[in-house]
N, C-alpha and C. Protein backbone atom coordinates (compact mmCIF):
# COMPACT_ATOMS: atom_id res chain seq x y z
N MET A 1 -20.98 -2.61 -0.53
CA MET A 1 -21.39 -1.96 -1.76
C MET A 1 -22.45 -0.90 -1.48
N ASP A 2 -23.33 -1.18 -0.53
CA ASP A 2 -24.38 -0.21 -0.21
C ASP A 2 -23.83 1.02 0.49
N ILE A 3 -22.84 0.81 1.35
CA ILE A 3 -22.29 1.92 2.13
C ILE A 3 -21.52 2.88 1.23
N PHE A 4 -20.71 2.34 0.31
CA PHE A 4 -19.84 3.17 -0.53
C PHE A 4 -20.43 3.46 -1.91
N ALA A 5 -21.70 3.21 -2.12
CA ALA A 5 -22.30 3.36 -3.46
C ALA A 5 -22.23 4.78 -3.98
N LYS A 6 -22.29 5.78 -3.09
CA LYS A 6 -22.32 7.18 -3.52
C LYS A 6 -20.93 7.77 -3.72
N LEU A 7 -19.88 7.09 -3.26
CA LEU A 7 -18.52 7.58 -3.46
C LEU A 7 -17.97 6.99 -4.75
N PRO A 8 -17.56 7.82 -5.70
CA PRO A 8 -17.09 7.28 -6.98
C PRO A 8 -15.79 6.48 -6.81
N GLY A 9 -15.79 5.29 -7.35
CA GLY A 9 -14.60 4.44 -7.32
C GLY A 9 -14.49 3.53 -6.12
N MET A 10 -15.20 3.81 -5.05
CA MET A 10 -15.08 3.01 -3.83
C MET A 10 -15.65 1.60 -3.97
N PRO A 11 -16.81 1.41 -4.62
CA PRO A 11 -17.27 0.02 -4.79
C PRO A 11 -16.29 -0.82 -5.60
N GLY A 12 -15.70 -0.23 -6.62
CA GLY A 12 -14.70 -0.95 -7.42
C GLY A 12 -13.47 -1.28 -6.62
N LEU A 13 -13.02 -0.34 -5.79
CA LEU A 13 -11.86 -0.58 -4.94
C LEU A 13 -12.16 -1.67 -3.91
N PHE A 14 -13.36 -1.66 -3.37
CA PHE A 14 -13.76 -2.69 -2.42
C PHE A 14 -13.77 -4.07 -3.08
N LEU A 15 -14.36 -4.16 -4.27
CA LEU A 15 -14.39 -5.45 -4.97
C LEU A 15 -13.00 -5.91 -5.37
N ALA A 16 -12.15 -4.97 -5.79
CA ALA A 16 -10.77 -5.33 -6.17
C ALA A 16 -10.01 -5.88 -4.98
N SER A 17 -10.17 -5.27 -3.82
CA SER A 17 -9.47 -5.77 -2.64
C SER A 17 -10.03 -7.12 -2.20
N LEU A 18 -11.33 -7.30 -2.33
CA LEU A 18 -11.95 -8.57 -1.99
C LEU A 18 -11.45 -9.69 -2.91
N PHE A 19 -11.44 -9.43 -4.22
CA PHE A 19 -10.94 -10.42 -5.16
C PHE A 19 -9.45 -10.67 -4.98
N SER A 20 -8.70 -9.63 -4.69
CA SER A 20 -7.25 -9.78 -4.48
C SER A 20 -6.96 -10.69 -3.30
N ALA A 21 -7.67 -10.51 -2.21
CA ALA A 21 -7.45 -11.35 -1.03
C ALA A 21 -7.83 -12.80 -1.31
N SER A 22 -8.96 -13.00 -1.98
CA SER A 22 -9.38 -14.38 -2.24
C SER A 22 -8.48 -15.05 -3.26
N LEU A 23 -8.03 -14.33 -4.29
CA LEU A 23 -7.12 -14.92 -5.27
C LEU A 23 -5.76 -15.22 -4.67
N SER A 24 -5.31 -14.39 -3.74
CA SER A 24 -4.03 -14.65 -3.07
C SER A 24 -4.11 -15.94 -2.26
N THR A 25 -5.20 -16.11 -1.54
CA THR A 25 -5.38 -17.33 -0.75
C THR A 25 -5.49 -18.55 -1.66
N LEU A 26 -6.23 -18.40 -2.73
CA LEU A 26 -6.40 -19.51 -3.68
C LEU A 26 -5.08 -19.88 -4.35
N SER A 27 -4.30 -18.88 -4.76
CA SER A 27 -3.03 -19.18 -5.44
C SER A 27 -2.03 -19.84 -4.51
N SER A 28 -1.98 -19.42 -3.25
CA SER A 28 -1.06 -20.08 -2.32
C SER A 28 -1.50 -21.51 -2.03
N GLY A 29 -2.81 -21.73 -1.95
CA GLY A 29 -3.30 -23.09 -1.76
C GLY A 29 -3.00 -23.99 -2.94
N LEU A 30 -3.19 -23.48 -4.16
CA LEU A 30 -2.89 -24.27 -5.35
C LEU A 30 -1.39 -24.54 -5.47
N SER A 31 -0.57 -23.55 -5.13
CA SER A 31 0.89 -23.74 -5.19
C SER A 31 1.36 -24.79 -4.19
N SER A 32 0.83 -24.74 -2.99
CA SER A 32 1.24 -25.73 -1.99
C SER A 32 0.74 -27.12 -2.37
N LEU A 33 -0.45 -27.20 -2.94
CA LEU A 33 -0.97 -28.49 -3.39
C LEU A 33 -0.10 -29.07 -4.50
N ALA A 34 0.32 -28.21 -5.43
CA ALA A 34 1.20 -28.67 -6.52
C ALA A 34 2.57 -29.10 -5.99
N ALA A 35 3.10 -28.35 -5.01
CA ALA A 35 4.40 -28.72 -4.44
C ALA A 35 4.32 -30.05 -3.71
N LEU A 36 3.24 -30.28 -2.99
CA LEU A 36 3.06 -31.56 -2.31
C LEU A 36 2.88 -32.70 -3.30
N THR A 37 2.15 -32.45 -4.38
CA THR A 37 1.97 -33.46 -5.41
C THR A 37 3.30 -33.82 -6.04
N TRP A 38 4.14 -32.81 -6.28
CA TRP A 38 5.48 -33.06 -6.84
C TRP A 38 6.31 -33.90 -5.87
N ALA A 39 6.33 -33.48 -4.60
CA ALA A 39 7.20 -34.16 -3.63
C ALA A 39 6.72 -35.57 -3.30
N ASP A 40 5.41 -35.76 -3.24
CA ASP A 40 4.89 -37.06 -2.80
C ASP A 40 4.59 -38.04 -3.93
N ILE A 41 4.27 -37.53 -5.12
CA ILE A 41 3.86 -38.43 -6.20
C ILE A 41 4.85 -38.42 -7.36
N PHE A 42 5.08 -37.25 -7.95
CA PHE A 42 5.88 -37.20 -9.18
C PHE A 42 7.36 -37.46 -8.96
N LYS A 43 7.95 -36.86 -7.93
CA LYS A 43 9.39 -37.01 -7.71
C LYS A 43 9.79 -38.47 -7.45
N PRO A 44 9.04 -39.22 -6.61
CA PRO A 44 9.41 -40.64 -6.46
C PRO A 44 9.27 -41.44 -7.75
N LEU A 45 8.30 -41.06 -8.61
CA LEU A 45 8.13 -41.78 -9.87
C LEU A 45 9.18 -41.40 -10.91
N ILE A 46 9.48 -40.10 -11.01
CA ILE A 46 10.39 -39.60 -12.04
C ILE A 46 11.84 -39.72 -11.61
N GLY A 47 12.12 -39.45 -10.36
CA GLY A 47 13.49 -39.43 -9.87
C GLY A 47 14.09 -38.04 -9.96
N ASP A 48 15.39 -37.95 -9.89
CA ASP A 48 16.07 -36.65 -9.92
C ASP A 48 16.11 -36.11 -11.35
N ILE A 49 15.58 -34.90 -11.52
CA ILE A 49 15.64 -34.21 -12.80
C ILE A 49 16.11 -32.79 -12.52
N SER A 50 16.32 -32.02 -13.57
CA SER A 50 16.82 -30.66 -13.40
C SER A 50 15.76 -29.77 -12.74
N GLU A 51 16.22 -28.68 -12.15
CA GLU A 51 15.31 -27.74 -11.48
C GLU A 51 14.33 -27.13 -12.46
N ILE A 52 14.78 -26.88 -13.68
CA ILE A 52 13.91 -26.25 -14.68
C ILE A 52 12.76 -27.19 -15.04
N LYS A 53 13.06 -28.46 -15.26
CA LYS A 53 12.01 -29.43 -15.59
C LYS A 53 11.05 -29.61 -14.42
N ALA A 54 11.57 -29.64 -13.20
CA ALA A 54 10.73 -29.77 -12.01
C ALA A 54 9.80 -28.56 -11.88
N THR A 55 10.33 -27.37 -12.15
CA THR A 55 9.53 -26.15 -12.07
C THR A 55 8.41 -26.17 -13.10
N VAL A 56 8.71 -26.63 -14.32
CA VAL A 56 7.69 -26.72 -15.36
C VAL A 56 6.59 -27.71 -14.95
N ILE A 57 6.99 -28.83 -14.38
CA ILE A 57 6.00 -29.82 -13.94
C ILE A 57 5.13 -29.25 -12.83
N ILE A 58 5.72 -28.55 -11.88
CA ILE A 58 4.95 -27.97 -10.77
C ILE A 58 4.00 -26.90 -11.29
N LYS A 59 4.47 -26.04 -12.21
CA LYS A 59 3.59 -24.99 -12.75
C LYS A 59 2.45 -25.59 -13.56
N THR A 60 2.73 -26.64 -14.29
CA THR A 60 1.67 -27.32 -15.04
C THR A 60 0.66 -27.94 -14.08
N THR A 61 1.15 -28.49 -12.98
CA THR A 61 0.26 -29.08 -11.98
C THR A 61 -0.63 -28.01 -11.35
N VAL A 62 -0.08 -26.81 -11.12
CA VAL A 62 -0.88 -25.70 -10.58
C VAL A 62 -2.01 -25.36 -11.54
N VAL A 63 -1.70 -25.29 -12.85
CA VAL A 63 -2.72 -24.97 -13.85
C VAL A 63 -3.80 -26.07 -13.88
N CYS A 64 -3.37 -27.33 -13.78
CA CYS A 64 -4.34 -28.44 -13.78
C CYS A 64 -5.24 -28.38 -12.56
N PHE A 65 -4.67 -28.14 -11.38
CA PHE A 65 -5.48 -28.04 -10.18
C PHE A 65 -6.41 -26.83 -10.24
N GLY A 66 -5.94 -25.72 -10.80
CA GLY A 66 -6.80 -24.54 -10.97
C GLY A 66 -7.96 -24.82 -11.89
N GLY A 67 -7.70 -25.52 -13.01
CA GLY A 67 -8.78 -25.90 -13.92
C GLY A 67 -9.76 -26.84 -13.26
N LEU A 68 -9.24 -27.77 -12.47
CA LEU A 68 -10.11 -28.70 -11.74
C LEU A 68 -10.98 -27.95 -10.73
N ALA A 69 -10.40 -26.96 -10.05
CA ALA A 69 -11.18 -26.16 -9.09
C ALA A 69 -12.28 -25.38 -9.80
N CYS A 70 -11.97 -24.82 -10.97
CA CYS A 70 -13.00 -24.10 -11.74
C CYS A 70 -14.10 -25.04 -12.19
N ALA A 71 -13.72 -26.23 -12.65
CA ALA A 71 -14.72 -27.20 -13.08
C ALA A 71 -15.63 -27.61 -11.93
N VAL A 72 -15.05 -27.83 -10.76
CA VAL A 72 -15.86 -28.20 -9.60
C VAL A 72 -16.80 -27.05 -9.21
N SER A 73 -16.32 -25.80 -9.30
CA SER A 73 -17.18 -24.67 -8.95
C SER A 73 -18.35 -24.55 -9.92
N PHE A 74 -18.12 -24.84 -11.22
CA PHE A 74 -19.23 -24.82 -12.17
C PHE A 74 -20.21 -25.96 -11.89
N MET A 75 -19.70 -27.11 -11.50
CA MET A 75 -20.57 -28.24 -11.18
C MET A 75 -21.41 -27.94 -9.94
N VAL A 76 -20.80 -27.32 -8.94
CA VAL A 76 -21.53 -26.99 -7.71
C VAL A 76 -22.61 -25.96 -7.99
N SER A 77 -22.34 -25.03 -8.92
CA SER A 77 -23.35 -24.02 -9.22
C SER A 77 -24.59 -24.63 -9.87
N GLN A 78 -24.45 -25.80 -10.47
CA GLN A 78 -25.59 -26.47 -11.10
C GLN A 78 -26.42 -27.28 -10.11
N VAL A 79 -25.87 -27.53 -8.93
CA VAL A 79 -26.60 -28.30 -7.92
C VAL A 79 -27.63 -27.37 -7.29
N GLY A 80 -28.85 -27.79 -7.28
CA GLY A 80 -29.91 -26.95 -6.71
C GLY A 80 -30.46 -27.56 -5.44
N GLY A 81 -30.87 -26.71 -4.52
CA GLY A 81 -31.55 -27.15 -3.32
C GLY A 81 -30.71 -28.00 -2.38
N VAL A 82 -29.48 -27.62 -2.14
CA VAL A 82 -28.64 -28.37 -1.19
C VAL A 82 -29.18 -28.13 0.20
N LEU A 83 -29.45 -29.19 0.89
CA LEU A 83 -30.03 -29.09 2.23
C LEU A 83 -28.96 -28.89 3.29
N THR A 84 -29.38 -28.34 4.40
CA THR A 84 -28.48 -28.12 5.52
C THR A 84 -27.91 -29.43 6.04
N GLN A 85 -28.75 -30.46 6.06
CA GLN A 85 -28.29 -31.76 6.55
C GLN A 85 -27.18 -32.32 5.65
N GLY A 86 -27.30 -32.13 4.36
CA GLY A 86 -26.28 -32.60 3.43
C GLY A 86 -24.96 -31.87 3.63
N CYS A 87 -25.04 -30.57 3.88
CA CYS A 87 -23.82 -29.79 4.14
C CYS A 87 -23.16 -30.25 5.43
N LEU A 88 -23.96 -30.46 6.46
CA LEU A 88 -23.40 -30.91 7.73
C LEU A 88 -22.77 -32.30 7.60
N ILE A 89 -23.46 -33.21 6.91
CA ILE A 89 -22.92 -34.55 6.74
C ILE A 89 -21.61 -34.50 5.95
N GLY A 90 -21.59 -33.70 4.88
CA GLY A 90 -20.36 -33.56 4.09
C GLY A 90 -19.23 -32.94 4.88
N GLY A 91 -19.54 -31.91 5.67
CA GLY A 91 -18.51 -31.27 6.49
C GLY A 91 -17.92 -32.21 7.53
N PHE A 92 -18.80 -32.93 8.24
CA PHE A 92 -18.31 -33.87 9.25
C PHE A 92 -17.58 -35.05 8.64
N THR A 93 -18.02 -35.50 7.46
CA THR A 93 -17.31 -36.58 6.77
C THR A 93 -15.90 -36.14 6.39
N GLY A 94 -15.77 -34.93 5.86
CA GLY A 94 -14.44 -34.40 5.53
C GLY A 94 -13.57 -34.24 6.75
N LEU A 95 -14.15 -33.76 7.85
CA LEU A 95 -13.41 -33.61 9.09
C LEU A 95 -12.94 -34.97 9.62
N ALA A 96 -13.82 -35.96 9.58
CA ALA A 96 -13.45 -37.31 10.05
C ALA A 96 -12.37 -37.92 9.16
N LEU A 97 -12.47 -37.73 7.85
CA LEU A 97 -11.47 -38.27 6.95
C LEU A 97 -10.10 -37.62 7.18
N GLY A 98 -10.10 -36.31 7.35
CA GLY A 98 -8.84 -35.61 7.65
C GLY A 98 -8.24 -36.05 8.97
N PHE A 99 -9.08 -36.24 9.98
CA PHE A 99 -8.61 -36.71 11.29
C PHE A 99 -8.03 -38.11 11.17
N TRP A 100 -8.69 -38.99 10.40
CA TRP A 100 -8.23 -40.36 10.23
C TRP A 100 -6.87 -40.39 9.52
N ILE A 101 -6.70 -39.58 8.49
CA ILE A 101 -5.42 -39.53 7.78
C ILE A 101 -4.33 -38.99 8.70
N SER A 102 -4.64 -37.94 9.46
CA SER A 102 -3.66 -37.36 10.37
C SER A 102 -3.22 -38.36 11.44
N MET A 103 -4.17 -39.05 12.03
CA MET A 103 -3.83 -40.04 13.05
C MET A 103 -3.02 -41.20 12.46
N GLY A 104 -3.38 -41.59 11.24
CA GLY A 104 -2.62 -42.66 10.58
C GLY A 104 -1.19 -42.26 10.31
N MET A 105 -0.97 -41.01 9.91
CA MET A 105 0.39 -40.55 9.63
C MET A 105 1.22 -40.43 10.91
N ASN A 106 0.58 -40.11 12.01
CA ASN A 106 1.32 -39.90 13.25
C ASN A 106 1.52 -41.17 14.07
N PHE A 107 0.59 -42.10 14.01
CA PHE A 107 0.66 -43.25 14.91
C PHE A 107 0.79 -44.60 14.23
N SER A 108 0.77 -44.65 12.91
CA SER A 108 0.87 -45.93 12.22
C SER A 108 2.31 -46.44 12.26
N PRO A 109 2.51 -47.72 12.64
CA PRO A 109 3.88 -48.26 12.68
C PRO A 109 4.46 -48.48 11.28
N SER A 110 3.63 -48.51 10.25
CA SER A 110 4.15 -48.74 8.91
C SER A 110 4.69 -47.47 8.24
N VAL A 111 4.38 -46.30 8.81
CA VAL A 111 4.88 -45.04 8.25
C VAL A 111 6.30 -44.82 8.75
N LYS A 112 7.23 -44.63 7.80
CA LYS A 112 8.64 -44.43 8.16
C LYS A 112 8.82 -43.02 8.71
N LYS A 113 9.33 -42.96 9.92
CA LYS A 113 9.57 -41.66 10.56
C LYS A 113 10.94 -41.15 10.15
N SER A 114 11.02 -39.86 9.85
CA SER A 114 12.32 -39.28 9.51
C SER A 114 13.06 -38.94 10.80
N PRO A 115 14.35 -39.19 10.84
CA PRO A 115 15.10 -38.88 12.06
C PRO A 115 15.25 -37.38 12.24
N GLY A 116 15.38 -36.96 13.48
CA GLY A 116 15.59 -35.56 13.77
C GLY A 116 16.99 -35.12 13.35
N LEU A 117 17.15 -33.84 13.17
CA LEU A 117 18.46 -33.32 12.77
C LEU A 117 19.40 -33.27 13.96
N SER A 118 20.66 -33.58 13.70
CA SER A 118 21.65 -33.46 14.76
C SER A 118 22.00 -31.99 14.95
N PRO A 119 22.50 -31.60 16.11
CA PRO A 119 22.84 -30.19 16.33
C PRO A 119 23.92 -29.73 15.35
N ALA A 120 23.73 -28.52 14.82
CA ALA A 120 24.69 -27.97 13.86
C ALA A 120 25.89 -27.37 14.59
N SER A 121 27.00 -27.35 13.91
CA SER A 121 28.21 -26.77 14.47
C SER A 121 28.13 -25.25 14.45
N THR A 122 28.66 -24.62 15.47
CA THR A 122 28.75 -23.16 15.52
C THR A 122 30.19 -22.71 15.42
N GLU A 123 31.01 -23.54 14.78
CA GLU A 123 32.44 -23.27 14.72
C GLU A 123 32.76 -21.94 14.04
N ASN A 124 32.10 -21.63 12.93
CA ASN A 124 32.38 -20.39 12.19
C ASN A 124 31.33 -19.32 12.42
N CYS A 125 30.59 -19.42 13.49
CA CYS A 125 29.52 -18.47 13.76
C CYS A 125 30.11 -17.16 14.28
N TYR A 126 29.83 -16.08 13.57
CA TYR A 126 30.37 -14.77 13.92
C TYR A 126 29.82 -14.28 15.26
N ALA A 127 28.53 -14.46 15.47
CA ALA A 127 27.91 -13.97 16.70
C ALA A 127 28.48 -14.69 17.92
N ASP A 128 28.73 -15.99 17.79
CA ASP A 128 29.30 -16.76 18.88
C ASP A 128 30.71 -16.26 19.19
N ALA A 129 31.51 -16.02 18.16
CA ALA A 129 32.88 -15.53 18.38
C ALA A 129 32.88 -14.14 19.00
N LEU A 130 31.95 -13.29 18.56
CA LEU A 130 31.86 -11.94 19.11
C LEU A 130 31.49 -11.98 20.58
N TYR A 131 30.54 -12.85 20.94
CA TYR A 131 30.12 -12.93 22.32
C TYR A 131 31.23 -13.50 23.19
N ASN A 132 31.97 -14.50 22.69
CA ASN A 132 33.07 -15.06 23.46
C ASN A 132 34.18 -14.03 23.66
N SER A 133 34.38 -13.14 22.68
CA SER A 133 35.44 -12.14 22.82
C SER A 133 35.10 -11.11 23.89
N THR A 134 33.80 -10.96 24.23
CA THR A 134 33.43 -10.01 25.28
C THR A 134 33.39 -10.67 26.65
N GLY A 135 33.79 -11.92 26.71
CA GLY A 135 33.85 -12.60 28.00
C GLY A 135 32.59 -13.32 28.38
N GLY A 136 31.68 -13.51 27.45
CA GLY A 136 30.42 -14.19 27.75
C GLY A 136 30.56 -15.69 27.59
N SER A 137 29.47 -16.36 27.80
CA SER A 137 29.47 -17.81 27.63
C SER A 137 29.34 -18.13 26.15
N SER A 138 29.41 -19.42 25.81
CA SER A 138 29.40 -19.79 24.39
C SER A 138 28.00 -20.06 23.87
N THR A 139 26.97 -19.76 24.61
CA THR A 139 25.62 -20.01 24.13
C THR A 139 25.18 -18.92 23.16
N LEU A 140 24.42 -19.26 22.11
CA LEU A 140 23.92 -18.27 21.15
C LEU A 140 22.65 -17.60 21.62
N ALA A 141 22.01 -18.14 22.65
CA ALA A 141 20.75 -17.58 23.13
C ALA A 141 21.00 -16.54 24.21
N SER A 142 22.06 -15.78 24.09
CA SER A 142 22.42 -14.82 25.12
C SER A 142 21.89 -13.43 24.75
N MET A 143 21.88 -12.55 25.74
CA MET A 143 21.38 -11.20 25.56
C MET A 143 22.56 -10.24 25.47
N ASN A 144 22.34 -9.10 24.82
CA ASN A 144 23.35 -8.05 24.80
C ASN A 144 23.43 -7.41 26.18
N ARG A 145 24.61 -7.00 26.54
CA ARG A 145 24.77 -6.27 27.80
C ARG A 145 24.27 -4.85 27.62
N PRO A 146 23.80 -4.23 28.69
CA PRO A 146 23.36 -2.83 28.57
C PRO A 146 24.51 -1.95 28.09
N GLY A 147 24.22 -1.11 27.11
CA GLY A 147 25.22 -0.20 26.56
C GLY A 147 25.99 -0.77 25.39
N GLU A 148 25.85 -2.06 25.05
CA GLU A 148 26.56 -2.63 23.92
C GLU A 148 25.93 -2.29 22.57
N VAL A 149 24.64 -1.93 22.58
CA VAL A 149 23.93 -1.66 21.34
C VAL A 149 23.89 -0.17 21.10
N ASP A 150 24.23 0.23 19.88
CA ASP A 150 24.18 1.64 19.48
C ASP A 150 22.71 2.08 19.47
N PRO A 151 22.34 3.13 20.20
CA PRO A 151 20.93 3.54 20.27
C PRO A 151 20.35 3.96 18.93
N ARG A 152 21.19 4.26 17.94
CA ARG A 152 20.65 4.60 16.62
C ARG A 152 19.90 3.44 16.01
N TYR A 153 20.18 2.21 16.47
CA TYR A 153 19.53 1.03 15.93
C TYR A 153 18.34 0.58 16.78
N LEU A 154 17.98 1.35 17.76
CA LEU A 154 16.85 1.03 18.63
C LEU A 154 15.66 1.92 18.30
N ILE A 155 14.47 1.43 18.52
CA ILE A 155 13.25 2.20 18.30
C ILE A 155 12.79 2.73 19.64
N SER A 156 12.57 4.02 19.70
CA SER A 156 12.12 4.64 20.93
C SER A 156 10.63 4.39 21.11
N LEU A 157 10.29 3.65 22.16
CA LEU A 157 8.88 3.37 22.43
C LEU A 157 8.13 4.63 22.85
N THR A 158 8.85 5.54 23.50
CA THR A 158 8.17 6.75 23.96
C THR A 158 7.77 7.63 22.78
N ASP A 159 8.55 7.62 21.71
CA ASP A 159 8.21 8.45 20.56
C ASP A 159 7.19 7.79 19.64
N THR A 160 7.21 6.46 19.55
CA THR A 160 6.31 5.78 18.62
C THR A 160 5.00 5.35 19.25
N ILE A 161 5.02 4.88 20.48
CA ILE A 161 3.79 4.38 21.09
C ILE A 161 3.15 5.41 22.01
N LEU A 162 3.97 6.14 22.75
CA LEU A 162 3.45 7.11 23.72
C LEU A 162 3.48 8.53 23.18
N PHE A 163 3.26 8.70 21.88
CA PHE A 163 3.34 10.01 21.23
C PHE A 163 2.31 10.99 21.76
N PHE A 164 1.22 10.49 22.35
CA PHE A 164 0.13 11.34 22.84
C PHE A 164 0.46 12.01 24.16
N LEU A 165 1.53 11.55 24.85
CA LEU A 165 1.91 12.16 26.13
C LEU A 165 2.62 13.49 25.90
N PRO A 166 2.56 14.38 26.90
CA PRO A 166 3.29 15.65 26.77
C PRO A 166 4.79 15.40 26.65
N GLY A 167 5.48 16.32 26.02
CA GLY A 167 6.92 16.18 25.77
C GLY A 167 7.72 16.00 27.04
N SER A 168 7.35 16.68 28.12
CA SER A 168 8.11 16.57 29.36
C SER A 168 7.98 15.16 29.95
N VAL A 169 6.80 14.55 29.84
CA VAL A 169 6.61 13.19 30.35
C VAL A 169 7.39 12.20 29.50
N ARG A 170 7.35 12.39 28.17
CA ARG A 170 8.13 11.50 27.29
C ARG A 170 9.63 11.62 27.58
N GLN A 171 10.11 12.83 27.84
CA GLN A 171 11.52 13.04 28.15
C GLN A 171 11.88 12.37 29.46
N TRP A 172 10.98 12.43 30.47
CA TRP A 172 11.24 11.77 31.75
C TRP A 172 11.31 10.26 31.56
N ILE A 173 10.40 9.70 30.75
CA ILE A 173 10.42 8.26 30.51
C ILE A 173 11.70 7.85 29.78
N LYS A 174 12.15 8.68 28.83
CA LYS A 174 13.40 8.39 28.10
C LYS A 174 14.60 8.40 29.04
N SER A 175 14.54 9.21 30.09
CA SER A 175 15.70 9.35 30.98
C SER A 175 15.87 8.15 31.90
N ILE A 176 14.86 7.28 31.96
CA ILE A 176 14.96 6.11 32.83
C ILE A 176 15.92 5.11 32.20
N GLY A 177 16.96 4.80 32.88
CA GLY A 177 17.89 3.77 32.44
C GLY A 177 19.11 4.20 31.67
N PRO A 178 19.41 5.49 31.45
CA PRO A 178 20.62 5.80 30.68
C PRO A 178 21.91 5.51 31.46
N GLN A 179 21.80 5.22 32.76
CA GLN A 179 23.00 4.91 33.53
C GLN A 179 23.63 3.61 33.05
N TYR A 180 22.87 2.79 32.31
CA TYR A 180 23.41 1.53 31.81
C TYR A 180 24.09 1.68 30.44
N MET A 181 23.97 2.85 29.82
CA MET A 181 24.53 3.04 28.48
C MET A 181 25.97 3.54 28.58
N GLU A 182 26.77 3.21 27.57
CA GLU A 182 28.12 3.76 27.51
C GLU A 182 28.04 5.25 27.26
N GLU A 183 29.03 5.99 27.72
CA GLU A 183 29.00 7.44 27.63
C GLU A 183 28.90 7.95 26.20
N LYS A 184 29.58 7.30 25.27
CA LYS A 184 29.56 7.81 23.89
C LYS A 184 28.18 7.69 23.24
N TYR A 185 27.25 6.88 23.81
CA TYR A 185 25.92 6.73 23.24
C TYR A 185 24.87 7.59 23.92
N LYS A 186 25.23 8.26 25.02
CA LYS A 186 24.24 9.09 25.74
C LYS A 186 23.95 10.36 24.98
C-alpha cells in the first residue's frame, strides 16, 4: 500500500488481488470440507438420493461451515493478549492430533482398506490400435517415432525460449535433427 499509494487505482487493485487469492483458497477449502462431510457422514446416514438433493445438501453444508468460520474469526478477534507459548502449544497440539489421526487411518487393523483397482482393458483404445498398426509393441507408454508427428503441432524451443539469440544461431539450432523427419514435413 505504501509503494503504490501515489498511483491511482493501484492500492485498490492490490487489495482486490489479495482478497481474491484468499477467498479462492477459503472457498476451495470449504468446498472440500463439505464434500468430505457429505461422503463420510451424510451419505452413509441418508443413503442413495438424487444428485440434485445431494448438491443442495453439500451447498448448504458449505454455507454452514462458512458461517462457522466467520463466527470463529469474530470470537478470535475478541481474545486479547494471546501469548507466544499458547500459540506454540496450540500449533503443536494440532500437529500431534493430525499425525495421530493419520497414523490411525494408515496402520489401524480395524480400518477397512479398499482394494486396489484391477488393470483396465485397452481393447478399444485408439492409441493402442494406432501404435500396433505401425508395427510397434502393444504398450501404451511408447514414444512416437521421429518424423511421425506433424511439426505444426510442435512448439519451437528456439523461437520461444531462445528468442534473444541472433537469427542465424536460431536457424542453425533448428537445423539440428531434420534428418529424422519425413520429407513432407521438412
